[in-house]
């Protein structure tokens, strides 16, 4: 058994200075993932710095129409916020579908962006996992990989990204705001999540001591008519086999605007840019929706047990597109 120390801070500058000065320190917010990681020794930190008193739990509408979510805003508060529910229903739906009410009441938005994979080999100390021990190998490549990724994979890692909220935020072109000793930094969400390539242990561009302070969602009127469609093995509180975050505007029978991202099938929240390109300006019909879905999954790499995800992803994308089209798209 290892000992873990605990301290509590009340301002951002002190939090950053405390963690930056100690290579064994880490931030503690809701703790819904951090505690799990400590229990299975996937989290090496020996000092937890509690940041729950920091004044970064806001949900604010900005003058330009953007919405800014403090990193310590709880998932449930964001999901139930009228500001979010009216402007970005796909995000509210993703949050509700992402966890039980008990977890949502504790889990923070910033912490959700740092959620670790549910790959069983990552969580098993007897298994080879390049994400946990770089260079050790990947047991999932030839093991039980039914739930693993088919997009954005490498020969070093095929672990699926677990967050629902991050998929919705990817479709919305959110920006992650980070503070460190050098000042403020902003990351486009697609740059914030890294594909495994040769370094699967690097999931984000963050350095030790970097603190997520806010998530900003740009104004996107078309997102008022949007959805988050999640397909899973059971209806309640299960990770996605496939999910689709979609905002769509149809005008004159053709796709005028579209934002789409996929979850459950990729190593990071997967912005479906090929599908978006294939849809823009095309008639909003089943045939064009299916073509776009096939374009997006053309480079998918199935393993021994997860090939079904490719067809499931296509069907889920088509279903999401037809659902939003049927209710009229954005007025």
C-alpha atoms as a PDB file:
ATOM      1  CA  UNK A   1       0.000   0.000   0.000  1.00  0.00           C
ATOM      2  CA  UNK A   2       1.244   3.494  -0.865  1.00  0.00           C
ATOM      3  CA  UNK A   3       0.502   6.654   1.086  1.00  0.00           C
ATOM      4  CA  UNK A   4      -1.226   9.584  -0.607  1.00  0.00           C
ATOM      5  CA  UNK A   5      -1.194  13.104   0.798  1.00  0.00           C
ATOM      6  CA  UNK A   6      -3.995  15.641   0.372  1.00  0.00           C
ATOM      7  CA  UNK A   7      -4.217  19.420   0.401  1.00  0.00           C
ATOM      8  CA  UNK A   8      -6.839  21.982  -0.580  1.00  0.00           C
ATOM      9  CA  UNK A   9      -6.328  25.278  -2.402  1.00  0.00           C
ATOM     10  CA  UNK A  10      -8.610  28.263  -2.955  1.00  0.00           C
ATOM     11  CA  UNK A  11      -7.206  30.111  -5.976  1.00  0.00           C
ATOM     12  CA  UNK A  12      -5.954  29.197  -9.435  1.00  0.00           C
ATOM     13  CA  UNK A  13      -2.431  30.593  -9.027  1.00  0.00           C
ATOM     14  CA  UNK A  14      -1.806  28.612  -5.836  1.00  0.00           C
ATOM     15  CA  UNK A  15      -3.194  25.445  -7.389  1.00  0.00           C
ATOM     16  CA  UNK A  16      -0.906  25.705 -10.399  1.00  0.00           C
ATOM     17  CA  UNK A  17       2.156  26.577  -8.310  1.00  0.00           C
ATOM     18  CA  UNK A  18       1.518  23.686  -5.907  1.00  0.00           C
ATOM     19  CA  UNK A  19       1.137  21.014  -8.572  1.00  0.00           C
ATOM     20  CA  UNK A  20       3.864  22.358 -10.867  1.00  0.00           C
ATOM     21  CA  UNK A  21       6.405  22.298  -8.023  1.00  0.00           C
ATOM     22  CA  UNK A  22       5.763  18.629  -7.191  1.00  0.00           C
ATOM     23  CA  UNK A  23       6.121  15.991  -9.945  1.00  0.00           C
ATOM     24  CA  UNK A  24       4.087  13.574  -7.802  1.00  0.00           C
ATOM     25  CA  UNK A  25       1.124  15.951  -7.408  1.00  0.00           C
ATOM     26  CA  UNK A  26      -2.136  16.010  -9.353  1.00  0.00           C
ATOM     27  CA  UNK A  27      -5.366  18.003  -9.309  1.00  0.00           C
ATOM     28  CA  UNK A  28      -8.478  16.520  -7.689  1.00  0.00           C
ATOM     29  CA  UNK A  29     -11.906  17.746  -8.759  1.00  0.00           C
ATOM     30  CA  UNK A  30     -14.931  15.406  -8.697  1.00  0.00           C
ATOM     31  CA  UNK A  31     -12.667  12.392  -8.306  1.00  0.00           C
ATOM     32  CA  UNK A  32     -14.999  10.035 -10.168  1.00  0.00           C
ATOM     33  CA  UNK A  33     -12.151   8.883 -12.428  1.00  0.00           C
ATOM     34  CA  UNK A  34      -9.086   9.874 -10.405  1.00  0.00           C
ATOM     35  CA  UNK A  35      -9.995   7.639  -7.456  1.00  0.00           C
ATOM     36  CA  UNK A  36     -10.536   4.666  -9.768  1.00  0.00           C
ATOM     37  CA  UNK A  37      -7.144   5.235 -11.350  1.00  0.00           C
ATOM     38  CA  UNK A  38      -5.462   5.366  -7.952  1.00  0.00           C
ATOM     39  CA  UNK A  39      -7.100   2.122  -6.895  1.00  0.00           C
ATOM     40  CA  UNK A  40      -5.809   0.210  -9.910  1.00  0.00           C
ATOM     41  CA  UNK A  41      -2.370   1.907  -9.829  1.00  0.00           C
ATOM     42  CA  UNK A  42      -2.907   3.485 -13.234  1.00  0.00           C
ATOM     43  CA  UNK A  43      -2.457   6.912 -11.616  1.00  0.00           C
ATOM     44  CA  UNK A  44       1.071   7.411 -10.199  1.00  0.00           C
ATOM     45  CA  UNK A  45       0.336  10.585  -8.203  1.00  0.00           C
ATOM     46  CA  UNK A  46       1.131  10.532  -4.502  1.00  0.00           C
ATOM     47  CA  UNK A  47      -0.241  13.974  -3.661  1.00  0.00           C
ATOM     48  CA  UNK A  48      -3.754  15.185  -4.469  1.00  0.00           C
ATOM     49  CA  UNK A  49      -4.449  18.906  -4.606  1.00  0.00           C
ATOM     50  CA  UNK A  50      -8.175  19.541  -4.176  1.00  0.00           C
ATOM     51  CA  UNK A  51      -9.320  22.364  -6.464  1.00  0.00           C
ATOM     52  CA  UNK A  52     -13.047  22.332  -5.723  1.00  0.00           C
ATOM     53  CA  UNK A  53     -12.894  25.752  -4.041  1.00  0.00           C
ATOM     54  CA  UNK A  54     -11.586  27.453  -7.187  1.00  0.00           C
ATOM     55  CA  UNK A  55     -14.030  29.991  -8.696  1.00  0.00           C
ATOM     56  CA  UNK A  56     -14.293  28.219 -12.051  1.00  0.00           C
ATOM     57  CA  UNK A  57     -17.705  26.529 -11.893  1.00  0.00           C
ATOM     58  CA  UNK A  58     -19.648  29.052 -13.978  1.00  0.00           C
ATOM     59  CA  UNK A  59     -22.044  28.531 -16.902  1.00  0.00           C
ATOM     60  CA  UNK A  60     -22.106  31.863 -18.696  1.00  0.00           C
ATOM     61  CA  UNK A  61     -23.543  33.256 -21.895  1.00  0.00           C
ATOM     62  CA  UNK A  62     -20.988  35.588 -23.488  1.00  0.00           C
ATOM     63  CA  UNK A  63     -21.829  38.871 -25.276  1.00  0.00           C
ATOM     64  CA  UNK A  64     -21.024  37.330 -28.668  1.00  0.00           C
ATOM     65  CA  UNK A  65     -23.410  34.407 -28.085  1.00  0.00           C
ATOM     66  CA  UNK A  66     -20.752  31.890 -27.067  1.00  0.00           C
ATOM     67  CA  UNK A  67     -21.209  29.854 -23.885  1.00  0.00           C
ATOM     68  CA  UNK A  68     -18.362  29.482 -21.412  1.00  0.00           C
ATOM     69  CA  UNK A  69     -18.341  26.527 -19.030  1.00  0.00           C
ATOM     70  CA  UNK A  70     -16.030  26.654 -16.044  1.00  0.00           C
ATOM     71  CA  UNK A  71     -13.907  23.554 -15.698  1.00  0.00           C
ATOM     72  CA  UNK A  72     -15.461  22.806 -12.300  1.00  0.00           C
ATOM     73  CA  UNK A  73     -19.044  23.103 -13.544  1.00  0.00           C
ATOM     74  CA  UNK A  74     -20.669  19.771 -12.727  1.00  0.00           C
ATOM     75  CA  UNK A  75     -21.934  17.660 -15.590  1.00  0.00           C
ATOM     76  CA  UNK A  76     -25.475  17.660 -14.227  1.00  0.00           C
ATOM     77  CA  UNK A  77     -25.546  21.436 -13.793  1.00  0.00           C
ATOM     78  CA  UNK A  78     -24.467  21.877 -17.404  1.00  0.00           C
ATOM     79  CA  UNK A  79     -26.988  19.315 -18.675  1.00  0.00           C
ATOM     80  CA  UNK A  80     -29.846  21.014 -16.797  1.00  0.00           C
ATOM     81  CA  UNK A  81     -28.825  24.580 -17.658  1.00  0.00           C
ATOM     82  CA  UNK A  82     -31.436  26.314 -19.858  1.00  0.00           C
ATOM     83  CA  UNK A  83     -28.592  28.096 -21.627  1.00  0.00           C
ATOM     84  CA  UNK A  84     -27.087  24.789 -22.736  1.00  0.00           C
ATOM     85  CA  UNK A  85     -30.343  22.900 -23.270  1.00  0.00           C
ATOM     86  CA  UNK A  86     -31.729  25.575 -25.599  1.00  0.00           C
ATOM     87  CA  UNK A  87     -28.584  26.343 -27.582  1.00  0.00           C
ATOM     88  CA  UNK A  88     -26.817  22.978 -27.606  1.00  0.00           C
ATOM     89  CA  UNK A  89     -29.302  20.144 -26.915  1.00  0.00           C
ATOM     90  CA  UNK A  90     -26.804  17.581 -28.242  1.00  0.00           C
ATOM     91  CA  UNK A  91     -24.460  18.442 -25.357  1.00  0.00           C
ATOM     92  CA  UNK A  92     -27.218  18.251 -22.745  1.00  0.00           C
ATOM     93  CA  UNK A  93     -28.263  14.854 -24.134  1.00  0.00           C
ATOM     94  CA  UNK A  94     -24.683  13.557 -24.208  1.00  0.00           C
ATOM     95  CA  UNK A  95     -24.178  14.518 -20.575  1.00  0.00           C
ATOM     96  CA  UNK A  96     -27.383  12.836 -19.408  1.00  0.00           C
ATOM     97  CA  UNK A  97     -26.597   9.680 -21.374  1.00  0.00           C
ATOM     98  CA  UNK A  98     -23.000   9.658 -20.160  1.00  0.00           C
ATOM     99  CA  UNK A  99     -23.448   8.690 -16.510  1.00  0.00           C
ATOM    100  CA  UNK A 100     -25.850   8.197 -13.627  1.00  0.00           C
ATOM    101  CA  UNK A 101     -27.237  11.210 -11.787  1.00  0.00           C
ATOM    102  CA  UNK A 102     -24.961  10.467  -8.828  1.00  0.00           C
ATOM    103  CA  UNK A 103     -21.849  10.606 -11.015  1.00  0.00           C
ATOM    104  CA  UNK A 104     -23.065  13.647 -12.937  1.00  0.00           C
ATOM    105  CA  UNK A 105     -23.546  15.536  -9.684  1.00  0.00           C
ATOM    106  CA  UNK A 106     -19.867  14.995  -8.817  1.00  0.00           C
ATOM    107  CA  UNK A 107     -18.021  14.858 -12.130  1.00  0.00           C
ATOM    108  CA  UNK A 108     -16.651  18.125 -13.507  1.00  0.00           C
ATOM    109  CA  UNK A 109     -16.531  19.222 -17.129  1.00  0.00           C
ATOM    110  CA  UNK A 110     -12.761  19.696 -17.028  1.00  0.00           C
ATOM    111  CA  UNK A 111     -12.273  16.283 -15.483  1.00  0.00           C
ATOM    112  CA  UNK A 112     -14.470  14.715 -18.147  1.00  0.00           C
ATOM    113  CA  UNK A 113     -12.074  15.967 -20.810  1.00  0.00           C
ATOM    114  CA  UNK A 114      -9.303  13.993 -19.070  1.00  0.00           C
ATOM    115  CA  UNK A 115     -11.295  10.800 -18.605  1.00  0.00           C
ATOM    116  CA  UNK A 116      -9.190   7.673 -19.167  1.00  0.00           C
ATOM    117  CA  UNK A 117     -10.119   4.772 -21.412  1.00  0.00           C
ATOM    118  CA  UNK A 118     -12.205   1.854 -20.170  1.00  0.00           C
ATOM    119  CA  UNK A 119      -9.989  -0.624 -22.054  1.00  0.00           C
ATOM    120  CA  UNK A 120      -9.737  -3.655 -19.761  1.00  0.00           C
ATOM    121  CA  UNK A 121      -6.074  -4.178 -20.658  1.00  0.00           C
ATOM    122  CA  UNK A 122      -5.218  -0.636 -19.570  1.00  0.00           C
ATOM    123  CA  UNK A 123      -6.794  -1.467 -16.216  1.00  0.00           C
ATOM    124  CA  UNK A 124      -5.109  -4.865 -15.848  1.00  0.00           C
ATOM    125  CA  UNK A 125      -1.557  -4.742 -14.491  1.00  0.00           C
ATOM    126  CA  UNK A 126      -0.834  -8.208 -15.836  1.00  0.00           C
ATOM    127  CA  UNK A 127      -1.629  -7.176 -19.417  1.00  0.00           C
ATOM    128  CA  UNK A 128       0.603  -5.410 -21.922  1.00  0.00           C
ATOM    129  CA  UNK A 129      -0.540  -1.827 -22.475  1.00  0.00           C
ATOM    130  CA  UNK A 130       1.452   0.871 -24.236  1.00  0.00           C
ATOM    131  CA  UNK A 131      -0.836   3.528 -22.782  1.00  0.00           C
ATOM    132  CA  UNK A 132       0.042   2.494 -19.218  1.00  0.00           C
ATOM    133  CA  UNK A 133       3.614   1.260 -19.797  1.00  0.00           C
ATOM    134  CA  UNK A 134       5.059   2.648 -23.056  1.00  0.00           C
ATOM    135  CA  UNK A 135       6.803  -0.025 -25.096  1.00  0.00           C
ATOM    136  CA  UNK A 136       5.143  -2.973 -23.354  1.00  0.00           C
ATOM    137  CA  UNK A 137       2.828  -3.842 -26.245  1.00  0.00           C
ATOM    138  CA  UNK A 138      -0.945  -3.873 -26.739  1.00  0.00           C
ATOM    139  CA  UNK A 139      -2.839  -6.963 -25.607  1.00  0.00           C
ATOM    140  CA  UNK A 140      -6.040  -5.697 -27.231  1.00  0.00           C
ATOM    141  CA  UNK A 141      -4.649  -6.159 -30.742  1.00  0.00           C
ATOM    142  CA  UNK A 142      -5.099  -9.922 -30.514  1.00  0.00           C
ATOM    143  CA  UNK A 143      -7.253 -10.120 -27.396  1.00  0.00           C
ATOM    144  CA  UNK A 144     -10.840  -9.305 -26.499  1.00  0.00           C
ATOM    145  CA  UNK A 145     -11.378  -6.165 -28.569  1.00  0.00           C
ATOM    146  CA  UNK A 146     -15.129  -6.033 -29.219  1.00  0.00           C
ATOM    147  CA  UNK A 147     -15.437  -2.587 -27.643  1.00  0.00           C
ATOM    148  CA  UNK A 148     -12.291  -1.115 -29.144  1.00  0.00           C
ATOM    149  CA  UNK A 149     -11.748   1.514 -31.806  1.00  0.00           C
ATOM    150  CA  UNK A 150     -11.777   1.122 -35.585  1.00  0.00           C
ATOM    151  CA  UNK A 151     -10.852   4.735 -36.435  1.00  0.00           C
ATOM    152  CA  UNK A 152      -7.723   6.651 -35.472  1.00  0.00           C
ATOM    153  CA  UNK A 153      -5.936   3.519 -34.314  1.00  0.00           C
ATOM    154  CA  UNK A 154      -2.292   2.500 -34.572  1.00  0.00           C
ATOM    155  CA  UNK A 155      -0.320  -0.696 -34.067  1.00  0.00           C
ATOM    156  CA  UNK A 156       0.448   0.614 -30.580  1.00  0.00           C
ATOM    157  CA  UNK A 157      -3.100   1.230 -29.302  1.00  0.00           C
ATOM    158  CA  UNK A 158      -6.732   0.640 -30.289  1.00  0.00           C
ATOM    159  CA  UNK A 159      -8.402   1.798 -27.054  1.00  0.00           C
ATOM    160  CA  UNK A 160     -11.707   3.626 -27.592  1.00  0.00           C
ATOM    161  CA  UNK A 161     -12.177   7.075 -26.119  1.00  0.00           C
ATOM    162  CA  UNK A 162     -14.840   6.951 -23.371  1.00  0.00           C
ATOM    163  CA  UNK A 163     -16.329  10.460 -23.075  1.00  0.00           C
ATOM    164  CA  UNK A 164     -19.761  11.296 -24.474  1.00  0.00           C
ATOM    165  CA  UNK A 165     -19.534  15.004 -23.675  1.00  0.00           C
ATOM    166  CA  UNK A 166     -16.256  15.342 -25.569  1.00  0.00           C
ATOM    167  CA  UNK A 167     -17.909  13.947 -28.710  1.00  0.00           C
ATOM    168  CA  UNK A 168     -20.671  16.556 -28.541  1.00  0.00           C
ATOM    169  CA  UNK A 169     -18.126  19.316 -27.882  1.00  0.00           C
ATOM    170  CA  UNK A 170     -16.091  18.137 -30.861  1.00  0.00           C
ATOM    171  CA  UNK A 171     -19.107  18.591 -33.135  1.00  0.00           C
ATOM    172  CA  UNK A 172     -19.539  22.081 -31.678  1.00  0.00           C
ATOM    173  CA  UNK A 173     -15.915  23.182 -32.303  1.00  0.00           C
ATOM    174  CA  UNK A 174     -15.361  23.882 -28.609  1.00  0.00           C
ATOM    175  CA  UNK A 175     -12.167  25.450 -27.308  1.00  0.00           C
ATOM    176  CA  UNK A 176     -10.371  24.190 -24.186  1.00  0.00           C
ATOM    177  CA  UNK A 177      -8.837  26.944 -22.058  1.00  0.00           C
ATOM    178  CA  UNK A 178      -5.763  26.059 -19.995  1.00  0.00           C
ATOM    179  CA  UNK A 179      -3.718  27.985 -17.473  1.00  0.00           C
ATOM    180  CA  UNK A 180      -0.156  27.354 -16.341  1.00  0.00           C
ATOM    181  CA  UNK A 181       2.755  29.331 -14.899  1.00  0.00           C
ATOM    182  CA  UNK A 182       3.460  30.813 -18.323  1.00  0.00           C
ATOM    183  CA  UNK A 183      -0.057  32.149 -18.774  1.00  0.00           C
ATOM    184  CA  UNK A 184      -3.166  31.249 -20.722  1.00  0.00           C
ATOM    185  CA  UNK A 185      -3.397  28.792 -23.616  1.00  0.00           C
ATOM    186  CA  UNK A 186      -6.338  27.816 -25.808  1.00  0.00           C
ATOM    187  CA  UNK A 187      -6.688  24.544 -27.721  1.00  0.00           C
ATOM    188  CA  UNK A 188      -9.184  23.759 -30.444  1.00  0.00           C
ATOM    189  CA  UNK A 189     -10.851  20.598 -29.201  1.00  0.00           C
ATOM    190  CA  UNK A 190      -9.645  18.523 -32.152  1.00  0.00           C
ATOM    191  CA  UNK A 191      -6.069  19.465 -31.213  1.00  0.00           C
ATOM    192  CA  UNK A 192      -6.642  18.813 -27.521  1.00  0.00           C
ATOM    193  CA  UNK A 193      -7.264  15.082 -28.014  1.00  0.00           C
ATOM    194  CA  UNK A 194      -4.341  13.198 -29.553  1.00  0.00           C
ATOM    195  CA  UNK A 195      -4.530  10.010 -31.614  1.00  0.00           C
ATOM    196  CA  UNK A 196      -2.201   7.270 -30.292  1.00  0.00           C
ATOM    197  CA  UNK A 197       0.168   6.959 -33.272  1.00  0.00           C
ATOM    198  CA  UNK A 198       3.570   6.026 -31.745  1.00  0.00           C
ATOM    199  CA  UNK A 199       2.903   7.634 -28.339  1.00  0.00           C
ATOM    200  CA  UNK A 200      -0.403   6.309 -26.951  1.00  0.00           C
ATOM    201  CA  UNK A 201       0.574   7.416 -23.452  1.00  0.00           C
ATOM    202  CA  UNK A 202       0.176  11.038 -24.675  1.00  0.00           C
ATOM    203  CA  UNK A 203      -3.558  11.685 -24.781  1.00  0.00           C
ATOM    204  CA  UNK A 204      -3.421  15.505 -24.575  1.00  0.00           C
ATOM    205  CA  UNK A 205      -0.845  18.260 -25.177  1.00  0.00           C
ATOM    206  CA  UNK A 206      -0.951  19.221 -21.481  1.00  0.00           C
ATOM    207  CA  UNK A 207       2.223  19.443 -19.436  1.00  0.00           C
ATOM    208  CA  UNK A 208       2.514  18.736 -15.723  1.00  0.00           C
ATOM    209  CA  UNK A 209       0.796  21.520 -13.782  1.00  0.00           C
ATOM    210  CA  UNK A 210      -1.423  22.673 -16.653  1.00  0.00           C
ATOM    211  CA  UNK A 211      -4.943  23.342 -15.382  1.00  0.00           C
ATOM    212  CA  UNK A 212      -8.069  23.325 -17.530  1.00  0.00           C
ATOM    213  CA  UNK A 213     -10.026  26.422 -16.497  1.00  0.00           C
ATOM    214  CA  UNK A 214     -12.882  26.607 -19.005  1.00  0.00           C
ATOM    215  CA  UNK A 215     -14.527  25.169 -22.083  1.00  0.00           C
ATOM    216  CA  UNK A 216     -15.887  27.686 -24.569  1.00  0.00           C
ATOM    217  CA  UNK A 217     -18.538  26.772 -27.128  1.00  0.00           C
ATOM    218  CA  UNK A 218     -18.862  29.198 -30.042  1.00  0.00           C
ATOM    219  CA  UNK A 219     -22.280  30.509 -31.085  1.00  0.00           C
ATOM    220  CA  UNK A 220     -23.834  28.061 -33.545  1.00  0.00           C
ATOM    221  CA  UNK A 221     -27.512  28.788 -34.277  1.00  0.00           C
ATOM    222  CA  UNK A 222     -27.953  25.522 -36.193  1.00  0.00           C
ATOM    223  CA  UNK A 223     -27.118  23.585 -33.025  1.00  0.00           C
ATOM    224  CA  UNK A 224     -30.510  24.492 -31.569  1.00  0.00           C
ATOM    225  CA  UNK A 225     -31.831  21.571 -33.626  1.00  0.00           C
ATOM    226  CA  UNK A 226     -29.325  18.854 -32.804  1.00  0.00           C
ATOM    227  CA  UNK A 227     -29.128  15.460 -31.177  1.00  0.00           C
ATOM    228  CA  UNK A 228     -26.835  12.962 -29.531  1.00  0.00           C
ATOM    229  CA  UNK A 229     -27.646   9.407 -30.552  1.00  0.00           C
ATOM    230  CA  UNK A 230     -25.979   6.672 -28.486  1.00  0.00           C
ATOM    231  CA  UNK A 231     -26.061   2.952 -29.265  1.00  0.00           C
ATOM    232  CA  UNK A 232     -24.939   0.600 -26.491  1.00  0.00           C
ATOM    233  CA  UNK A 233     -25.333  -2.948 -25.254  1.00  0.00           C
ATOM    234  CA  UNK A 234     -27.807  -1.925 -22.569  1.00  0.00           C
ATOM    235  CA  UNK A 235     -30.030   1.116 -22.279  1.00  0.00           C
ATOM    236  CA  UNK A 236     -28.789   2.450 -18.957  1.00  0.00           C
ATOM    237  CA  UNK A 237     -25.351   3.869 -18.063  1.00  0.00           C
ATOM    238  CA  UNK A 238     -23.220   1.950 -20.525  1.00  0.00           C
ATOM    239  CA  UNK A 239     -20.368   3.153 -22.697  1.00  0.00           C
ATOM    240  CA  UNK A 240     -21.145   3.669 -26.372  1.00  0.00           C
ATOM    241  CA  UNK A 241     -20.578   1.076 -29.039  1.00  0.00           C
ATOM    242  CA  UNK A 242     -21.301   3.933 -31.443  1.00  0.00           C
ATOM    243  CA  UNK A 243     -22.555   7.445 -30.837  1.00  0.00           C
ATOM    244  CA  UNK A 244     -23.288  10.355 -33.153  1.00  0.00           C
ATOM    245  CA  UNK A 245     -23.359  14.033 -32.208  1.00  0.00           C
ATOM    246  CA  UNK A 246     -25.129  15.940 -34.959  1.00  0.00           C
ATOM    247  CA  UNK A 247     -26.236  19.482 -35.766  1.00  0.00           C
ATOM    248  CA  UNK A 248     -27.861  19.924 -39.165  1.00  0.00           C
ATOM    249  CA  UNK A 249     -29.527  22.627 -41.232  1.00  0.00           C
ATOM    250  CA  UNK A 250     -31.499  21.649 -44.298  1.00  0.00           C
ATOM    251  CA  UNK A 251     -32.581  24.336 -46.735  1.00  0.00           C
ATOM    252  CA  UNK A 252     -34.561  23.739 -49.904  1.00  0.00           C
ATOM    253  CA  UNK A 253     -34.208  19.989 -49.437  1.00  0.00           C
ATOM    254  CA  UNK A 254     -30.396  20.117 -49.349  1.00  0.00           C
ATOM    255  CA  UNK A 255     -27.850  20.105 -46.536  1.00  0.00           C
ATOM    256  CA  UNK A 256     -26.821  23.726 -45.934  1.00  0.00           C
ATOM    257  CA  UNK A 257     -24.799  23.220 -42.733  1.00  0.00           C
ATOM    258  CA  UNK A 258     -23.687  20.159 -40.813  1.00  0.00           C
ATOM    259  CA  UNK A 259     -21.516  19.345 -37.802  1.00  0.00           C
ATOM    260  CA  UNK A 260     -20.994  15.703 -36.900  1.00  0.00           C
ATOM    261  CA  UNK A 261     -18.761  13.734 -34.544  1.00  0.00           C
ATOM    262  CA  UNK A 262     -18.578  10.056 -33.606  1.00  0.00           C
ATOM    263  CA  UNK A 263     -17.952   8.318 -30.308  1.00  0.00           C
ATOM    264  CA  UNK A 264     -17.309   4.711 -29.322  1.00  0.00           C
ATOM    265  CA  UNK A 265     -15.532   3.897 -32.577  1.00  0.00           C
ATOM    266  CA  UNK A 266     -12.349   5.953 -32.350  1.00  0.00           C
ATOM    267  CA  UNK A 267      -9.329   6.544 -30.148  1.00  0.00           C
ATOM    268  CA  UNK A 268     -10.409  10.193 -29.680  1.00  0.00           C
ATOM    269  CA  UNK A 269     -13.648  12.124 -30.201  1.00  0.00           C
ATOM    270  CA  UNK A 270     -13.923  11.715 -33.954  1.00  0.00           C
ATOM    271  CA  UNK A 271     -14.975  14.719 -36.017  1.00  0.00           C
ATOM    272  CA  UNK A 272     -16.659  13.277 -39.109  1.00  0.00           C
ATOM    273  CA  UNK A 273     -15.202  15.748 -41.588  1.00  0.00           C
ATOM    274  CA  UNK A 274     -15.352  13.397 -44.578  1.00  0.00           C
ATOM    275  CA  UNK A 275     -19.043  12.879 -43.985  1.00  0.00           C
ATOM    276  CA  UNK A 276     -19.620  16.603 -43.548  1.00  0.00           C
ATOM    277  CA  UNK A 277     -17.864  17.317 -46.840  1.00  0.00           C
ATOM    278  CA  UNK A 278     -19.876  14.617 -48.615  1.00  0.00           C
ATOM    279  CA  UNK A 279     -23.152  16.029 -47.283  1.00  0.00           C
ATOM    280  CA  UNK A 280     -22.766  19.758 -47.866  1.00  0.00           C
ATOM    281  CA  UNK A 281     -24.933  20.969 -50.725  1.00  0.00           C
ATOM    282  CA  UNK A 282     -26.304  17.480 -51.402  1.00  0.00           C
ATOM    283  CA  UNK A 283     -29.973  16.469 -51.201  1.00  0.00           C
ATOM    284  CA  UNK A 284     -30.997  15.377 -47.709  1.00  0.00           C
ATOM    285  CA  UNK A 285     -31.889  11.834 -48.745  1.00  0.00           C
ATOM    286  CA  UNK A 286     -31.174   8.350 -47.456  1.00  0.00           C
ATOM    287  CA  UNK A 287     -28.865   7.609 -50.382  1.00  0.00           C
ATOM    288  CA  UNK A 288     -26.681  10.643 -49.765  1.00  0.00           C
ATOM    289  CA  UNK A 289     -26.651  10.027 -46.020  1.00  0.00           C
ATOM    290  CA  UNK A 290     -25.471   6.457 -46.576  1.00  0.00           C
ATOM    291  CA  UNK A 291     -22.803   7.622 -49.037  1.00  0.00           C
ATOM    292  CA  UNK A 292     -21.481  10.111 -46.481  1.00  0.00           C
ATOM    293  CA  UNK A 293     -21.419   7.437 -43.771  1.00  0.00           C
ATOM    294  CA  UNK A 294     -19.453   5.103 -46.022  1.00  0.00           C
ATOM    295  CA  UNK A 295     -16.993   7.864 -46.862  1.00  0.00           C
ATOM    296  CA  UNK A 296     -16.361   8.512 -43.177  1.00  0.00           C
ATOM    297  CA  UNK A 297     -15.689   4.866 -42.367  1.00  0.00           C
ATOM    298  CA  UNK A 298     -13.701   4.023 -45.512  1.00  0.00           C
ATOM    299  CA  UNK A 299     -10.400   3.862 -43.608  1.00  0.00           C
ATOM    300  CA  UNK A 300     -11.745   1.995 -40.584  1.00  0.00           C
ATOM    301  CA  UNK A 301      -9.514  -0.875 -39.417  1.00  0.00           C
ATOM    302  CA  UNK A 302     -11.460  -3.752 -37.835  1.00  0.00           C
ATOM    303  CA  UNK A 303      -9.927  -6.273 -35.462  1.00  0.00           C
ATOM    304  CA  UNK A 304     -11.009  -9.808 -34.678  1.00  0.00           C
ATOM    305  CA  UNK A 305     -14.149  -8.893 -32.696  1.00  0.00           C
ATOM    306  CA  UNK A 306     -15.128  -5.315 -33.544  1.00  0.00           C
ATOM    307  CA  UNK A 307     -15.732  -5.303 -37.291  1.00  0.00           C
ATOM    308  CA  UNK A 308     -19.467  -4.957 -36.643  1.00  0.00           C
ATOM    309  CA  UNK A 309     -18.833  -1.401 -35.447  1.00  0.00           C
ATOM    310  CA  UNK A 310     -18.223  -0.192 -39.003  1.00  0.00           C
ATOM    311  CA  UNK A 311     -21.683  -1.108 -40.245  1.00  0.00           C
ATOM    312  CA  UNK A 312     -23.229  -0.045 -36.943  1.00  0.00           C
ATOM    313  CA  UNK A 313     -21.558   3.361 -37.238  1.00  0.00           C
ATOM    314  CA  UNK A 314     -22.912   3.806 -40.758  1.00  0.00           C
ATOM    315  CA  UNK A 315     -26.441   2.926 -39.729  1.00  0.00           C
ATOM    316  CA  UNK A 316     -26.281   5.158 -36.672  1.00  0.00           C
ATOM    317  CA  UNK A 317     -25.059   8.105 -38.733  1.00  0.00           C
ATOM    318  CA  UNK A 318     -27.883   7.618 -41.241  1.00  0.00           C
ATOM    319  CA  UNK A 319     -30.453   7.289 -38.453  1.00  0.00           C
ATOM    320  CA  UNK A 320     -29.240  10.503 -36.800  1.00  0.00           C
ATOM    321  CA  UNK A 321     -29.335  12.411 -40.090  1.00  0.00           C
ATOM    322  CA  UNK A 322     -32.812  11.145 -40.946  1.00  0.00           C
ATOM    323  CA  UNK A 323     -34.094  11.934 -37.450  1.00  0.00           C
ATOM    324  CA  UNK A 324     -33.031  15.580 -37.572  1.00  0.00           C
ATOM    325  CA  UNK A 325     -34.170  15.961 -41.193  1.00  0.00           C
ATOM    326  CA  UNK A 326     -37.602  14.537 -40.357  1.00  0.00           C
ATOM    327  CA  UNK A 327     -38.193  17.189 -37.725  1.00  0.00           C
ATOM    328  CA  UNK A 328     -37.292  19.931 -40.124  1.00  0.00           C
ATOM    329  CA  UNK A 329     -33.682  20.801 -39.423  1.00  0.00           C
ATOM    330  CA  UNK A 330     -32.892  24.264 -38.116  1.00  0.00           C
ATOM    331  CA  UNK A 331     -35.718  26.730 -38.905  1.00  0.00           C
END
